[in-house]
C-alpha cells in the first residue's frame, strides 16, 4: 500500500477545476438533466464554478451537477465513444447530494486497476457509458483515457456503476460482498 499512499499524497488534493481556471481552455461539460455546455471556468469555488459559456454568458454551476468533462477540441471523438445504458437512463436518476448514498469506488480498488491499465466501463447516473483506462484519480475525480487516449474527467459523485469487460463490478459494495463470500467459503 506504500505506492498507493505516495500516489494519494501527490494527487488526491488536485482538482480539474483548478487546472481549468488556470488554463482558460474551452471545455465541454455534461451536466445532469442531459445538458451539455461549452466554455471555460472563470472561478473555481469550493462547491461551485463560475462558468463562462462560449456565447459569453456567465453562470454559477454546482459541482455536483457536473457528470463529466473534456476539452472542446476532443468533442467529436469523445461523443462517438459514449454509449448509453437505456435501463439506467429510464430510471431518471439525478445527482446524489448525500455522499454516504453515492456509489463509491475505493482508492485501493482504483489504484491497481490504473496500474494494470484495465479496460473499464463507467456508467453515470443518467446512463452515459464511458470506456477506457484510468489515467489518474483524485478525491473527487477519475480521469479516464478514452478512445485515442483522450482524457475525460468523470466526477466521482456521478458514478452509477463500474465494470470491466467481463462485467465484473468494482463498486465498493460489490468488492466487499466478494470478499465476504470469499471469507465464508474459506471458513473464516
Protein backbone atom coordinates (compact mmCIF):
# COMPACT_ATOMS: atom_id res chain seq x y z
CA UNK A 1 0.00 0.00 0.00
CA UNK A 2 3.02 2.33 0.17
CA UNK A 3 2.72 3.08 -3.55
CA UNK A 4 -0.96 3.98 -3.11
CA UNK A 5 -0.19 6.27 -0.18
CA UNK A 6 2.55 8.02 -2.16
CA UNK A 7 0.17 8.42 -5.12
CA UNK A 8 -2.58 9.86 -2.89
CA UNK A 9 -0.16 12.23 -1.17
CA UNK A 10 0.87 13.64 -4.53
CA UNK A 11 -2.50 13.66 -6.33
CA UNK A 12 -5.51 13.39 -4.01
CA UNK A 13 -5.89 17.12 -3.40
CA UNK A 14 -5.69 18.13 -7.09
CA UNK A 15 -8.75 19.31 -8.99
CA UNK A 16 -9.53 19.56 -12.69
CA UNK A 17 -11.35 22.81 -11.89
CA UNK A 18 -8.14 24.44 -10.60
CA UNK A 19 -6.46 23.38 -13.83
CA UNK A 20 -9.36 24.72 -15.92
CA UNK A 21 -9.31 28.06 -14.10
CA UNK A 22 -5.59 28.49 -14.84
CA UNK A 23 -5.61 27.17 -18.44
CA UNK A 24 -8.50 29.20 -19.83
CA UNK A 25 -9.12 26.40 -22.34
CA UNK A 26 -12.58 25.64 -23.71
CA UNK A 27 -14.13 22.55 -22.12
CA UNK A 28 -17.35 20.64 -22.68
CA UNK A 29 -19.32 19.92 -19.51
CA UNK A 30 -22.01 17.22 -19.37
CA UNK A 31 -24.47 18.15 -16.64
CA UNK A 32 -27.31 16.27 -15.02
CA UNK A 33 -30.52 16.69 -16.98
CA UNK A 34 -28.56 15.72 -20.12
CA UNK A 35 -27.47 19.31 -20.57
CA UNK A 36 -24.18 19.91 -22.42
CA UNK A 37 -22.39 23.26 -22.33
CA UNK A 38 -19.06 24.56 -23.63
CA UNK A 39 -16.87 27.31 -22.26
CA UNK A 40 -14.29 28.00 -19.59
CA UNK A 41 -14.10 28.12 -15.82
CA UNK A 42 -13.67 31.71 -14.69
CA UNK A 43 -13.62 30.98 -10.94
CA UNK A 44 -13.31 27.73 -9.02
CA UNK A 45 -15.09 27.83 -5.67
CA UNK A 46 -15.36 25.05 -3.08
CA UNK A 47 -18.73 23.67 -4.25
CA UNK A 48 -19.38 25.68 -7.43
CA UNK A 49 -17.71 27.06 -10.52
CA UNK A 50 -18.36 30.30 -12.34
CA UNK A 51 -18.58 29.11 -15.92
CA UNK A 52 -18.46 31.38 -18.97
CA UNK A 53 -20.13 29.75 -21.96
CA UNK A 54 -18.87 30.24 -25.50
CA UNK A 55 -21.69 32.74 -26.01
CA UNK A 56 -20.22 34.88 -23.19
CA UNK A 57 -22.91 34.16 -20.59
CA UNK A 58 -21.59 33.52 -17.08
CA UNK A 59 -23.37 31.18 -14.71
CA UNK A 60 -22.69 29.54 -11.37
CA UNK A 61 -22.80 25.76 -11.61
CA UNK A 62 -22.83 23.48 -8.59
CA UNK A 63 -20.12 20.84 -8.98
CA UNK A 64 -22.48 18.02 -8.01
CA UNK A 65 -24.48 18.83 -11.17
CA UNK A 66 -21.47 18.06 -13.39
CA UNK A 67 -21.14 14.45 -14.57
CA UNK A 68 -18.03 14.59 -16.76
CA UNK A 69 -15.97 16.94 -18.91
CA UNK A 70 -13.29 17.08 -21.59
CA UNK A 71 -11.54 19.56 -23.86
CA UNK A 72 -13.71 21.04 -26.62
CA UNK A 73 -11.11 20.10 -29.25
CA UNK A 74 -11.77 16.42 -28.42
CA UNK A 75 -15.58 16.66 -28.55
CA UNK A 76 -16.14 14.82 -31.83
CA UNK A 77 -14.09 11.77 -30.82
CA UNK A 78 -15.45 11.66 -27.26
CA UNK A 79 -19.10 11.90 -28.33
CA UNK A 80 -18.63 8.96 -30.72
CA UNK A 81 -17.21 6.87 -27.88
CA UNK A 82 -20.02 7.48 -25.38
CA UNK A 83 -22.71 4.82 -25.30
CA UNK A 84 -25.97 4.84 -23.33
CA UNK A 85 -27.41 2.24 -20.96
CA UNK A 86 -31.13 2.69 -21.65
CA UNK A 87 -32.15 0.85 -18.46
CA UNK A 88 -30.19 3.30 -16.30
CA UNK A 89 -31.37 6.29 -18.35
CA UNK A 90 -35.02 5.27 -17.83
CA UNK A 91 -34.50 5.47 -14.04
CA UNK A 92 -34.06 9.25 -14.44
CA UNK A 93 -31.55 9.46 -11.60
CA UNK A 94 -30.26 12.86 -10.65
CA UNK A 95 -27.29 13.92 -8.59
CA UNK A 96 -26.89 12.18 -5.23
CA UNK A 97 -26.26 15.02 -2.80
CA UNK A 98 -25.60 12.90 0.30
CA UNK A 99 -22.05 11.48 -0.02
CA UNK A 100 -22.99 8.39 2.03
CA UNK A 101 -25.59 7.38 -0.55
CA UNK A 102 -23.29 7.62 -3.57
CA UNK A 103 -21.86 4.67 -5.48
CA UNK A 104 -18.35 4.60 -4.06
CA UNK A 105 -15.22 3.17 -5.63
CA UNK A 106 -12.41 2.68 -3.16
CA UNK A 107 -8.98 4.15 -3.86
CA UNK A 108 -7.39 0.78 -3.17
CA UNK A 109 -9.59 -0.63 -5.95
CA UNK A 110 -8.85 2.18 -8.44
CA UNK A 111 -5.08 2.18 -7.94
CA UNK A 112 -4.34 -1.39 -9.12
CA UNK A 113 -6.83 -1.02 -11.98
CA UNK A 114 -4.92 2.09 -13.06
CA UNK A 115 -1.52 0.40 -12.72
CA UNK A 116 -2.65 -2.68 -14.66
CA UNK A 117 -4.30 -0.49 -17.34
CA UNK A 118 -7.53 -2.49 -17.20
CA UNK A 119 -10.18 -1.56 -19.77
CA UNK A 120 -13.17 -0.33 -17.76
CA UNK A 121 -16.68 0.92 -18.41
CA UNK A 122 -18.03 3.67 -16.18
CA UNK A 123 -21.78 4.30 -16.20
CA UNK A 124 -23.09 7.64 -14.96
CA UNK A 125 -26.32 8.15 -13.04
CA UNK A 126 -28.00 9.11 -16.32
CA UNK A 127 -26.76 6.08 -18.24
CA UNK A 128 -23.76 7.50 -20.13
CA UNK A 129 -21.18 4.74 -20.60
CA UNK A 130 -17.58 5.89 -20.86
CA UNK A 131 -14.98 3.26 -21.67
CA UNK A 132 -11.25 3.49 -21.23
CA UNK A 133 -8.42 3.03 -18.79
CA UNK A 134 -7.81 5.05 -15.66
CA UNK A 135 -5.28 7.81 -16.24
CA UNK A 136 -5.42 9.09 -12.67
CA UNK A 137 -7.77 9.94 -9.83
CA UNK A 138 -8.22 12.44 -7.06
CA UNK A 139 -10.59 12.78 -4.16
CA UNK A 140 -13.46 13.91 -6.38
CA UNK A 141 -12.49 12.91 -9.92
CA UNK A 142 -11.42 9.99 -12.07
CA UNK A 143 -9.56 10.66 -15.30
CA UNK A 144 -10.42 8.14 -17.99
CA UNK A 145 -8.26 7.79 -21.08
CA UNK A 146 -10.87 7.02 -23.71
CA UNK A 147 -10.70 6.45 -27.42
CA UNK A 148 -7.33 7.59 -28.86
CA UNK A 149 -6.11 8.22 -25.28
CA UNK A 150 -8.27 11.33 -24.94
CA UNK A 151 -8.70 12.34 -21.27
CA UNK A 152 -12.25 12.53 -19.92
CA UNK A 153 -12.72 13.63 -16.32
CA UNK A 154 -15.57 11.86 -14.56
CA UNK A 155 -16.78 13.30 -11.28
CA UNK A 156 -16.89 10.51 -8.71
CA UNK A 157 -20.30 11.61 -7.43
CA UNK A 158 -21.79 10.95 -10.90
CA UNK A 159 -20.86 7.24 -10.98
CA UNK A 160 -23.69 4.71 -11.15
CA UNK A 161 -21.58 1.64 -11.97
CA UNK A 162 -18.06 0.49 -12.88
CA UNK A 163 -17.36 -2.79 -14.65
CA UNK A 164 -14.63 -4.45 -16.65
CA UNK A 165 -15.18 -6.17 -20.00
CA UNK A 166 -16.12 -9.40 -18.17
CA UNK A 167 -18.92 -7.42 -16.41
CA UNK A 168 -17.22 -7.65 -13.01
CA UNK A 169 -18.36 -4.77 -10.78
CA UNK A 170 -15.82 -2.65 -8.89
CA UNK A 171 -18.13 -0.53 -6.74
CA UNK A 172 -17.28 -0.64 -3.04
CA UNK A 173 -20.35 -2.70 -2.11
CA UNK A 174 -19.63 -5.33 -4.79
CA UNK A 175 -15.93 -5.66 -3.86
CA UNK A 176 -16.84 -6.02 -0.16
CA UNK A 177 -19.53 -8.61 -0.98
CA UNK A 178 -16.98 -10.66 -2.95
CA UNK A 179 -14.54 -10.50 -0.02
CA UNK A 180 -17.26 -11.59 2.41
CA UNK A 181 -18.26 -14.51 0.15
CA UNK A 182 -14.60 -15.50 -0.25
CA UNK A 183 -14.07 -15.49 3.53
CA UNK A 184 -17.18 -17.58 4.16
CA UNK A 185 -16.00 -20.17 1.59
CA UNK A 186 -12.68 -20.42 3.38
CA UNK A 187 -14.44 -20.86 6.72
CA UNK A 188 -13.03 -17.66 8.20
